[in-house]
Amino acid sequence: MEFNLSDTEKKILLVIARETIKEHLTGKKGNYPAPTDKLMTKCGAFVTLHIQGRLRGCIGYVVPIKPLYETVKDVAVSSAFHDPRFPPLGPEEFDSIEIEISALSPLKRVTDINEIKVGKHGIMIKRGFSSGLLLPQVAEEQNWDLEMFLTNTCYKAGLDGNCWKQKDTEIEIFSAIVFNEKEIK
């Protein structure tokens, strides 16, 4: 059975993400909606923050270790305050953030790159102790074909861009339910 979320469940997750960030900024308890049974499912997720269309933070869990609503709480805080590429989010930025959530399917190992569908699948590349991941929407946003997507996932792992061609490189794919505050009101 394919994992999906209703618009109501997406809205609940977006409210949870925003309230968690607000609680972290103000120290005041957030006003959280109750999670549905489906949001109690263990699931990986990423929270991406943008301000005026520019990336402001993106962190997630690939492995499903917590219920989805708890994962969203954790990674919302990490995206806002612990993404090493950015300073912690300031209170003056809070009203400007746009929140996007990507709920992830389980990882599936592929042995033939033709199994990868650009725009549908995200990629995780592992080689030795290095790994890198790019979400499905990144390839579309950057207008990459499959080879560019694979090459840039290798770079994300800190590896040579052609590492995906080597036999000891593992390639795993996943799909994501991606939604943001502009789409879900």
N, C-alpha and C. Protein backbone atom coordinates (compact mmCIF):
# COMPACT_ATOMS: atom_id res chain seq x y z
N MET A 1 0.84 -1.19 0.00
CA MET A 1 0.00 0.00 0.00
C MET A 1 0.88 1.25 0.00
N GLU A 2 0.55 2.21 -0.82
CA GLU A 2 1.33 3.44 -0.93
C GLU A 2 0.97 4.38 0.21
N PHE A 3 1.98 5.00 0.79
CA PHE A 3 1.78 5.94 1.89
C PHE A 3 1.30 7.27 1.33
N ASN A 4 0.26 7.82 1.91
CA ASN A 4 -0.21 9.15 1.50
C ASN A 4 -0.73 9.90 2.71
N LEU A 5 -0.94 11.17 2.54
CA LEU A 5 -1.45 12.03 3.61
C LEU A 5 -2.60 12.87 3.08
N SER A 6 -3.62 13.04 3.89
CA SER A 6 -4.73 13.92 3.51
C SER A 6 -4.29 15.38 3.67
N ASP A 7 -5.05 16.30 3.07
CA ASP A 7 -4.74 17.72 3.25
C ASP A 7 -4.82 18.11 4.72
N THR A 8 -5.74 17.51 5.46
CA THR A 8 -5.86 17.80 6.90
C THR A 8 -4.59 17.37 7.63
N GLU A 9 -4.07 16.19 7.30
CA GLU A 9 -2.84 15.71 7.95
C GLU A 9 -1.64 16.57 7.56
N LYS A 10 -1.59 17.00 6.32
CA LYS A 10 -0.51 17.90 5.89
C LYS A 10 -0.58 19.21 6.68
N LYS A 11 -1.77 19.74 6.84
CA LYS A 11 -1.97 20.99 7.58
C LYS A 11 -1.52 20.81 9.04
N ILE A 12 -1.89 19.68 9.65
CA ILE A 12 -1.49 19.39 11.03
C ILE A 12 0.04 19.41 11.14
N LEU A 13 0.73 18.76 10.20
CA LEU A 13 2.20 18.72 10.24
C LEU A 13 2.81 20.10 10.05
N LEU A 14 2.25 20.90 9.16
CA LEU A 14 2.76 22.26 8.95
C LEU A 14 2.57 23.12 10.20
N VAL A 15 1.42 22.98 10.86
CA VAL A 15 1.17 23.72 12.10
C VAL A 15 2.14 23.25 13.19
N ILE A 16 2.35 21.93 13.28
CA ILE A 16 3.29 21.39 14.27
C ILE A 16 4.70 21.96 14.03
N ALA A 17 5.14 22.00 12.78
CA ALA A 17 6.47 22.53 12.47
C ALA A 17 6.57 24.00 12.88
N ARG A 18 5.58 24.81 12.50
CA ARG A 18 5.62 26.25 12.81
C ARG A 18 5.55 26.47 14.32
N GLU A 19 4.66 25.78 15.00
CA GLU A 19 4.51 25.94 16.45
C GLU A 19 5.78 25.52 17.19
N THR A 20 6.43 24.48 16.71
CA THR A 20 7.67 24.00 17.35
C THR A 20 8.77 25.06 17.24
N ILE A 21 8.91 25.65 16.06
CA ILE A 21 9.92 26.70 15.86
C ILE A 21 9.58 27.91 16.74
N LYS A 22 8.31 28.28 16.76
CA LYS A 22 7.86 29.43 17.57
C LYS A 22 8.13 29.17 19.06
N GLU A 23 7.82 27.95 19.52
CA GLU A 23 8.06 27.59 20.92
C GLU A 23 9.54 27.71 21.25
N HIS A 24 10.39 27.26 20.33
CA HIS A 24 11.83 27.32 20.54
C HIS A 24 12.32 28.77 20.62
N LEU A 25 11.72 29.63 19.81
CA LEU A 25 12.12 31.05 19.81
C LEU A 25 11.63 31.80 21.04
N THR A 26 10.39 31.52 21.47
CA THR A 26 9.76 32.31 22.54
C THR A 26 9.83 31.68 23.92
N GLY A 27 10.02 30.36 23.96
CA GLY A 27 10.00 29.66 25.24
C GLY A 27 8.58 29.40 25.75
N LYS A 28 7.57 29.80 24.97
CA LYS A 28 6.17 29.58 25.36
C LYS A 28 5.65 28.33 24.69
N LYS A 29 4.92 27.50 25.45
CA LYS A 29 4.37 26.23 24.96
C LYS A 29 3.55 26.46 23.69
N GLY A 30 3.81 25.65 22.68
CA GLY A 30 3.10 25.75 21.41
C GLY A 30 1.68 25.23 21.50
N ASN A 31 0.84 25.65 20.56
CA ASN A 31 -0.55 25.21 20.47
C ASN A 31 -0.62 24.15 19.37
N TYR A 32 -0.46 22.88 19.76
CA TYR A 32 -0.33 21.79 18.79
C TYR A 32 -1.66 21.08 18.54
N PRO A 33 -1.98 20.82 17.26
CA PRO A 33 -3.14 19.99 16.96
C PRO A 33 -2.81 18.52 17.28
N ALA A 34 -3.84 17.74 17.55
CA ALA A 34 -3.64 16.32 17.85
C ALA A 34 -3.28 15.57 16.55
N PRO A 35 -2.28 14.69 16.62
CA PRO A 35 -1.93 13.92 15.42
C PRO A 35 -2.96 12.82 15.15
N THR A 36 -3.17 12.52 13.88
CA THR A 36 -4.05 11.41 13.50
C THR A 36 -3.28 10.10 13.67
N ASP A 37 -3.97 8.99 13.53
CA ASP A 37 -3.30 7.68 13.62
C ASP A 37 -2.19 7.56 12.57
N LYS A 38 -2.44 8.05 11.36
CA LYS A 38 -1.44 7.94 10.30
C LYS A 38 -0.18 8.73 10.64
N LEU A 39 -0.34 9.86 11.36
CA LEU A 39 0.82 10.68 11.74
C LEU A 39 1.62 10.04 12.87
N MET A 40 1.09 8.94 13.42
CA MET A 40 1.81 8.18 14.45
C MET A 40 2.71 7.11 13.80
N THR A 41 2.61 6.96 12.48
CA THR A 41 3.43 6.00 11.74
C THR A 41 4.88 6.47 11.74
N LYS A 42 5.80 5.54 12.01
CA LYS A 42 7.22 5.88 11.95
C LYS A 42 7.59 6.17 10.50
N CYS A 43 8.21 7.33 10.30
CA CYS A 43 8.48 7.79 8.94
C CYS A 43 9.62 8.80 8.96
N GLY A 44 10.48 8.73 7.97
CA GLY A 44 11.51 9.75 7.80
C GLY A 44 10.89 11.01 7.23
N ALA A 45 11.50 12.15 7.49
CA ALA A 45 10.98 13.42 6.96
C ALA A 45 12.07 14.48 6.98
N PHE A 46 11.89 15.46 6.11
CA PHE A 46 12.74 16.65 6.08
C PHE A 46 11.84 17.86 6.24
N VAL A 47 12.35 18.88 6.93
CA VAL A 47 11.70 20.19 6.95
C VAL A 47 12.68 21.15 6.29
N THR A 48 12.17 21.84 5.27
CA THR A 48 12.95 22.83 4.53
C THR A 48 12.35 24.20 4.80
N LEU A 49 13.20 25.15 5.13
CA LEU A 49 12.76 26.52 5.37
C LEU A 49 13.30 27.42 4.25
N HIS A 50 12.43 28.29 3.77
CA HIS A 50 12.82 29.30 2.79
C HIS A 50 12.41 30.67 3.32
N ILE A 51 13.15 31.68 2.93
CA ILE A 51 12.74 33.08 3.15
C ILE A 51 12.88 33.76 1.80
N GLN A 52 11.77 34.29 1.31
CA GLN A 52 11.71 34.94 0.00
C GLN A 52 12.31 34.05 -1.09
N GLY A 53 11.94 32.76 -1.04
CA GLY A 53 12.37 31.81 -2.06
C GLY A 53 13.79 31.30 -1.92
N ARG A 54 14.52 31.77 -0.91
CA ARG A 54 15.91 31.33 -0.71
C ARG A 54 15.99 30.35 0.45
N LEU A 55 16.78 29.30 0.26
CA LEU A 55 16.96 28.30 1.30
C LEU A 55 17.44 28.94 2.59
N ARG A 56 16.81 28.56 3.72
CA ARG A 56 17.20 29.08 5.04
C ARG A 56 17.53 27.97 6.03
N GLY A 57 17.26 26.72 5.61
CA GLY A 57 17.58 25.57 6.45
C GLY A 57 16.89 24.34 5.90
N CYS A 58 17.55 23.20 6.02
CA CYS A 58 16.95 21.93 5.59
C CYS A 58 17.67 20.80 6.28
N ILE A 59 16.94 20.10 7.13
CA ILE A 59 17.50 18.95 7.83
C ILE A 59 16.38 17.92 7.97
N GLY A 60 16.77 16.65 7.97
CA GLY A 60 15.77 15.61 8.13
C GLY A 60 16.36 14.31 8.61
N TYR A 61 15.45 13.37 8.84
CA TYR A 61 15.81 11.99 9.17
C TYR A 61 15.42 11.14 7.97
N VAL A 62 16.34 10.34 7.48
CA VAL A 62 16.03 9.43 6.39
C VAL A 62 15.39 8.17 6.94
N VAL A 63 15.93 7.68 8.03
CA VAL A 63 15.46 6.43 8.63
C VAL A 63 14.25 6.71 9.52
N PRO A 64 13.21 5.88 9.39
CA PRO A 64 12.01 6.08 10.21
C PRO A 64 12.22 5.61 11.65
N ILE A 65 12.64 6.53 12.52
CA ILE A 65 12.93 6.15 13.91
C ILE A 65 11.87 6.63 14.90
N LYS A 66 11.03 7.58 14.48
CA LYS A 66 10.00 8.14 15.36
C LYS A 66 8.70 8.29 14.57
N PRO A 67 7.58 8.45 15.28
CA PRO A 67 6.34 8.78 14.58
C PRO A 67 6.53 10.06 13.76
N LEU A 68 5.86 10.14 12.62
CA LEU A 68 6.05 11.25 11.69
C LEU A 68 5.89 12.60 12.35
N TYR A 69 4.87 12.78 13.20
CA TYR A 69 4.66 14.10 13.81
C TYR A 69 5.82 14.48 14.73
N GLU A 70 6.43 13.49 15.41
CA GLU A 70 7.59 13.77 16.27
C GLU A 70 8.84 14.05 15.44
N THR A 71 8.98 13.34 14.34
CA THR A 71 10.09 13.59 13.43
C THR A 71 10.03 15.03 12.92
N VAL A 72 8.83 15.48 12.53
CA VAL A 72 8.65 16.85 12.04
C VAL A 72 9.04 17.86 13.12
N LYS A 73 8.66 17.60 14.36
CA LYS A 73 9.06 18.51 15.46
C LYS A 73 10.58 18.59 15.56
N ASP A 74 11.23 17.44 15.58
CA ASP A 74 12.70 17.40 15.72
C ASP A 74 13.40 18.12 14.58
N VAL A 75 13.00 17.80 13.35
CA VAL A 75 13.74 18.35 12.21
C VAL A 75 13.36 19.80 11.93
N ALA A 76 12.20 20.25 12.39
CA ALA A 76 11.86 21.68 12.27
C ALA A 76 12.83 22.51 13.12
N VAL A 77 13.08 22.05 14.34
CA VAL A 77 14.03 22.75 15.22
C VAL A 77 15.44 22.69 14.62
N SER A 78 15.83 21.51 14.13
CA SER A 78 17.16 21.38 13.54
C SER A 78 17.32 22.28 12.32
N SER A 79 16.30 22.34 11.47
CA SER A 79 16.37 23.18 10.26
C SER A 79 16.48 24.66 10.61
N ALA A 80 15.75 25.07 11.62
CA ALA A 80 15.72 26.49 12.01
C ALA A 80 16.96 26.91 12.79
N PHE A 81 17.49 26.01 13.60
CA PHE A 81 18.52 26.44 14.55
C PHE A 81 19.85 25.69 14.47
N HIS A 82 19.90 24.58 13.73
CA HIS A 82 21.12 23.77 13.76
C HIS A 82 21.66 23.39 12.39
N ASP A 83 21.12 23.96 11.31
CA ASP A 83 21.70 23.69 9.99
C ASP A 83 23.04 24.42 9.95
N PRO A 84 24.15 23.69 9.80
CA PRO A 84 25.47 24.34 9.89
C PRO A 84 25.75 25.35 8.77
N ARG A 85 24.92 25.36 7.74
CA ARG A 85 25.13 26.31 6.64
C ARG A 85 24.61 27.70 6.95
N PHE A 86 23.83 27.83 8.05
CA PHE A 86 23.16 29.09 8.36
C PHE A 86 23.27 29.41 9.84
N PRO A 87 23.20 30.70 10.20
CA PRO A 87 23.10 31.03 11.63
C PRO A 87 21.72 30.62 12.14
N PRO A 88 21.55 30.45 13.45
CA PRO A 88 20.23 30.11 13.97
C PRO A 88 19.18 31.16 13.55
N LEU A 89 17.99 30.70 13.31
CA LEU A 89 16.88 31.59 12.93
C LEU A 89 16.64 32.60 14.04
N GLY A 90 16.49 33.85 13.66
CA GLY A 90 16.23 34.90 14.64
C GLY A 90 14.74 35.19 14.73
N PRO A 91 14.27 35.75 15.87
CA PRO A 91 12.85 36.06 16.04
C PRO A 91 12.30 36.97 14.94
N GLU A 92 13.15 37.87 14.44
CA GLU A 92 12.71 38.81 13.40
C GLU A 92 12.46 38.10 12.06
N GLU A 93 12.97 36.87 11.91
CA GLU A 93 12.78 36.11 10.66
C GLU A 93 11.56 35.21 10.69
N PHE A 94 11.01 34.97 11.88
CA PHE A 94 9.97 33.95 12.04
C PHE A 94 8.78 34.14 11.10
N ASP A 95 8.26 35.35 11.02
CA ASP A 95 7.07 35.59 10.18
C ASP A 95 7.38 35.46 8.69
N SER A 96 8.65 35.46 8.31
CA SER A 96 9.04 35.38 6.90
C SER A 96 9.30 33.97 6.41
N ILE A 97 9.44 33.01 7.33
CA ILE A 97 9.79 31.65 6.88
C ILE A 97 8.61 30.99 6.18
N GLU A 98 8.97 30.26 5.13
CA GLU A 98 8.02 29.41 4.42
C GLU A 98 8.45 27.98 4.71
N ILE A 99 7.52 27.16 5.18
CA ILE A 99 7.85 25.80 5.60
C ILE A 99 7.41 24.80 4.54
N GLU A 100 8.33 23.89 4.20
CA GLU A 100 8.03 22.78 3.30
C GLU A 100 8.39 21.49 4.03
N ILE A 101 7.53 20.50 3.93
CA ILE A 101 7.78 19.20 4.57
C ILE A 101 7.83 18.13 3.49
N SER A 102 8.79 17.22 3.63
CA SER A 102 8.91 16.05 2.76
C SER A 102 8.83 14.82 3.65
N ALA A 103 7.71 14.08 3.56
CA ALA A 103 7.56 12.82 4.30
C ALA A 103 8.08 11.71 3.38
N LEU A 104 9.01 10.91 3.88
CA LEU A 104 9.74 9.96 3.03
C LEU A 104 9.22 8.54 3.13
N SER A 105 9.23 7.86 1.98
CA SER A 105 8.98 6.42 1.95
C SER A 105 10.24 5.71 2.44
N PRO A 106 10.15 4.42 2.75
CA PRO A 106 11.37 3.68 3.10
C PRO A 106 12.35 3.66 1.92
N LEU A 107 13.65 3.54 2.23
CA LEU A 107 14.69 3.45 1.21
C LEU A 107 14.62 2.10 0.50
N LYS A 108 14.93 2.09 -0.81
CA LYS A 108 14.96 0.86 -1.61
C LYS A 108 16.25 0.87 -2.42
N ARG A 109 17.06 -0.17 -2.27
CA ARG A 109 18.32 -0.27 -3.01
C ARG A 109 18.05 -0.55 -4.48
N VAL A 110 18.80 0.11 -5.36
CA VAL A 110 18.67 -0.14 -6.79
C VAL A 110 20.02 -0.60 -7.34
N THR A 111 19.95 -1.48 -8.33
CA THR A 111 21.17 -1.96 -8.99
C THR A 111 21.24 -1.47 -10.42
N ASP A 112 20.14 -0.90 -10.91
CA ASP A 112 20.09 -0.36 -12.26
C ASP A 112 19.58 1.09 -12.16
N ILE A 113 20.40 2.05 -12.59
CA ILE A 113 20.01 3.45 -12.45
C ILE A 113 18.73 3.78 -13.22
N ASN A 114 18.36 2.93 -14.18
CA ASN A 114 17.13 3.18 -14.93
C ASN A 114 15.87 3.00 -14.08
N GLU A 115 16.04 2.44 -12.88
CA GLU A 115 14.92 2.35 -11.94
C GLU A 115 14.60 3.72 -11.33
N ILE A 116 15.55 4.65 -11.42
CA ILE A 116 15.40 5.98 -10.80
C ILE A 116 14.59 6.87 -11.73
N LYS A 117 13.52 7.44 -11.21
CA LYS A 117 12.68 8.37 -11.97
C LYS A 117 12.91 9.78 -11.42
N VAL A 118 13.56 10.62 -12.24
CA VAL A 118 13.85 12.00 -11.84
C VAL A 118 12.53 12.73 -11.58
N GLY A 119 12.46 13.41 -10.45
CA GLY A 119 11.23 14.12 -10.06
C GLY A 119 10.34 13.29 -9.16
N LYS A 120 10.45 11.96 -9.25
CA LYS A 120 9.67 11.09 -8.37
C LYS A 120 10.52 10.57 -7.22
N HIS A 121 11.77 10.22 -7.51
CA HIS A 121 12.64 9.62 -6.51
C HIS A 121 13.71 10.59 -6.00
N GLY A 122 14.00 10.46 -4.72
CA GLY A 122 15.19 11.05 -4.15
C GLY A 122 16.27 9.99 -4.16
N ILE A 123 17.50 10.39 -3.97
CA ILE A 123 18.63 9.45 -4.03
C ILE A 123 19.47 9.57 -2.77
N MET A 124 19.88 8.40 -2.28
CA MET A 124 20.89 8.30 -1.21
C MET A 124 22.04 7.49 -1.80
N ILE A 125 23.23 8.07 -1.76
CA ILE A 125 24.43 7.38 -2.24
C ILE A 125 25.33 7.13 -1.05
N LYS A 126 25.83 5.87 -0.96
CA LYS A 126 26.73 5.49 0.13
C LYS A 126 27.96 4.82 -0.48
N ARG A 127 29.10 5.21 0.03
CA ARG A 127 30.36 4.57 -0.37
C ARG A 127 31.30 4.68 0.81
N GLY A 128 31.70 3.54 1.33
CA GLY A 128 32.54 3.55 2.53
C GLY A 128 31.79 4.22 3.67
N PHE A 129 32.44 5.19 4.32
CA PHE A 129 31.81 5.88 5.43
C PHE A 129 31.09 7.15 4.99
N SER A 130 31.06 7.41 3.70
CA SER A 130 30.44 8.63 3.18
C SER A 130 29.04 8.34 2.64
N SER A 131 28.16 9.30 2.84
CA SER A 131 26.82 9.19 2.25
C SER A 131 26.29 10.58 1.98
N GLY A 132 25.42 10.65 1.00
CA GLY A 132 24.78 11.91 0.65
C GLY A 132 23.38 11.65 0.14
N LEU A 133 22.50 12.61 0.35
CA LEU A 133 21.11 12.47 -0.03
C LEU A 133 20.62 13.75 -0.67
N LEU A 134 19.84 13.60 -1.73
CA LEU A 134 19.12 14.73 -2.31
C LEU A 134 17.66 14.34 -2.45
N LEU A 135 16.79 15.26 -2.06
CA LEU A 135 15.35 15.04 -2.14
C LEU A 135 14.88 15.05 -3.60
N PRO A 136 13.73 14.41 -3.89
CA PRO A 136 13.25 14.33 -5.27
C PRO A 136 13.08 15.69 -5.94
N GLN A 137 12.62 16.68 -5.19
CA GLN A 137 12.32 17.98 -5.80
C GLN A 137 13.58 18.75 -6.21
N VAL A 138 14.75 18.37 -5.67
CA VAL A 138 15.99 19.09 -5.99
C VAL A 138 16.32 18.96 -7.48
N ALA A 139 16.18 17.75 -8.02
CA ALA A 139 16.50 17.54 -9.44
C ALA A 139 15.60 18.39 -10.33
N GLU A 140 14.33 18.49 -9.97
CA GLU A 140 13.42 19.31 -10.78
C GLU A 140 13.74 20.79 -10.63
N GLU A 141 14.00 21.23 -9.40
CA GLU A 141 14.31 22.64 -9.16
C GLU A 141 15.57 23.07 -9.92
N GLN A 142 16.53 22.15 -10.03
CA GLN A 142 17.80 22.46 -10.70
C GLN A 142 17.79 22.10 -12.18
N ASN A 143 16.68 21.50 -12.63
CA ASN A 143 16.53 21.08 -14.03
C ASN A 143 17.62 20.08 -14.44
N TRP A 144 17.88 19.10 -13.55
CA TRP A 144 18.90 18.09 -13.79
C TRP A 144 18.31 16.87 -14.47
N ASP A 145 19.11 16.24 -15.32
CA ASP A 145 18.76 14.92 -15.83
C ASP A 145 19.28 13.89 -14.82
N LEU A 146 19.09 12.61 -15.12
CA LEU A 146 19.48 11.56 -14.18
C LEU A 146 20.97 11.60 -13.85
N GLU A 147 21.82 11.75 -14.86
CA GLU A 147 23.26 11.75 -14.59
C GLU A 147 23.69 12.92 -13.72
N MET A 148 23.11 14.10 -13.95
CA MET A 148 23.43 15.27 -13.11
C MET A 148 22.95 15.05 -11.68
N PHE A 149 21.79 14.43 -11.54
CA PHE A 149 21.23 14.14 -10.22
C PHE A 149 22.16 13.19 -9.46
N LEU A 150 22.59 12.12 -10.12
CA LEU A 150 23.52 11.18 -9.50
C LEU A 150 24.85 11.84 -9.16
N THR A 151 25.38 12.61 -10.09
CA THR A 151 26.66 13.30 -9.89
C THR A 151 26.59 14.24 -8.68
N ASN A 152 25.53 15.01 -8.60
CA ASN A 152 25.40 15.96 -7.50
C ASN A 152 25.12 15.28 -6.16
N THR A 153 24.50 14.11 -6.20
CA THR A 153 24.33 13.35 -4.95
C THR A 153 25.69 12.83 -4.49
N CYS A 154 26.54 12.43 -5.42
CA CYS A 154 27.92 12.04 -5.06
C CYS A 154 28.65 13.22 -4.42
N TYR A 155 28.53 14.39 -5.02
CA TYR A 155 29.17 15.58 -4.45
C TYR A 155 28.65 15.85 -3.04
N LYS A 156 27.34 15.70 -2.85
CA LYS A 156 26.74 15.93 -1.53
C LYS A 156 27.35 15.00 -0.49
N ALA A 157 27.74 13.79 -0.93
CA ALA A 157 28.38 12.82 -0.04
C ALA A 157 29.86 13.12 0.17
N GLY A 158 30.37 14.16 -0.51
CA GLY A 158 31.79 14.49 -0.40
C GLY A 158 32.66 13.57 -1.24
N LEU A 159 32.06 12.97 -2.26
CA LEU A 159 32.76 12.00 -3.10
C LEU A 159 32.96 12.56 -4.51
N ASP A 160 33.76 11.86 -5.29
CA ASP A 160 33.96 12.20 -6.69
C ASP A 160 32.61 12.11 -7.42
N GLY A 161 32.38 12.99 -8.37
CA GLY A 161 31.10 13.04 -9.07
C GLY A 161 30.75 11.78 -9.84
N ASN A 162 31.73 10.97 -10.18
CA ASN A 162 31.47 9.72 -10.90
C ASN A 162 31.37 8.51 -9.98
N CYS A 163 31.34 8.70 -8.69
CA CYS A 163 31.34 7.56 -7.76
C CYS A 163 30.15 6.64 -7.97
N TRP A 164 29.05 7.18 -8.51
CA TRP A 164 27.86 6.34 -8.72
C TRP A 164 28.11 5.24 -9.74
N LYS A 165 29.16 5.36 -10.56
CA LYS A 165 29.47 4.35 -11.57
C LYS A 165 30.30 3.20 -11.00
N GLN A 166 30.81 3.35 -9.78
CA GLN A 166 31.70 2.34 -9.20
C GLN A 166 30.90 1.26 -8.48
N LYS A 167 31.39 0.02 -8.61
CA LYS A 167 30.66 -1.14 -8.10
C LYS A 167 30.42 -1.12 -6.60
N ASP A 168 31.33 -0.54 -5.82
CA ASP A 168 31.16 -0.57 -4.36
C ASP A 168 30.33 0.60 -3.84
N THR A 169 29.70 1.35 -4.73
CA THR A 169 28.81 2.44 -4.33
C THR A 169 27.38 1.91 -4.26
N GLU A 170 26.72 2.16 -3.13
CA GLU A 170 25.32 1.77 -2.97
C GLU A 170 24.43 2.94 -3.36
N ILE A 171 23.40 2.66 -4.13
CA ILE A 171 22.42 3.68 -4.50
C ILE A 171 21.06 3.22 -3.99
N GLU A 172 20.44 4.08 -3.21
CA GLU A 172 19.09 3.79 -2.71
C GLU A 172 18.18 4.93 -3.14
N ILE A 173 16.93 4.60 -3.37
CA ILE A 173 15.95 5.60 -3.77
C ILE A 173 14.80 5.62 -2.77
N PHE A 174 14.06 6.71 -2.81
CA PHE A 174 12.86 6.85 -1.99
C PHE A 174 11.96 7.85 -2.69
N SER A 175 10.71 7.84 -2.31
CA SER A 175 9.81 8.88 -2.81
C SER A 175 9.43 9.75 -1.62
N ALA A 176 8.82 10.87 -1.90
CA ALA A 176 8.46 11.79 -0.83
C ALA A 176 7.12 12.44 -1.14
N ILE A 177 6.35 12.64 -0.09
CA ILE A 177 5.16 13.47 -0.18
C ILE A 177 5.63 14.86 0.22
N VAL A 178 5.63 15.78 -0.73
CA VAL A 178 6.19 17.12 -0.51
C VAL A 178 5.05 18.13 -0.54
N PHE A 179 5.00 18.96 0.51
CA PHE A 179 3.94 19.98 0.58
C PHE A 179 4.44 21.17 1.38
N ASN A 180 3.82 22.32 1.15
CA ASN A 180 4.24 23.53 1.85
C ASN A 180 3.04 24.38 2.24
N GLU A 181 3.32 25.45 2.96
CA GLU A 181 2.25 26.30 3.50
C GLU A 181 1.48 27.05 2.41
N LYS A 182 2.11 27.30 1.28
CA LYS A 182 1.41 27.99 0.20
C LYS A 182 0.32 27.10 -0.41
N GLU A 183 0.62 25.80 -0.49
CA GLU A 183 -0.32 24.85 -1.11
C GLU A 183 -1.45 24.45 -0.16
N ILE A 184 -1.12 24.31 1.11
CA ILE A 184 -2.07 23.79 2.10
C ILE A 184 -2.48 24.92 3.03
N LYS A 185 -3.67 25.38 2.89
CA LYS A 185 -4.17 26.48 3.74
C LYS A 185 -5.20 25.95 4.72
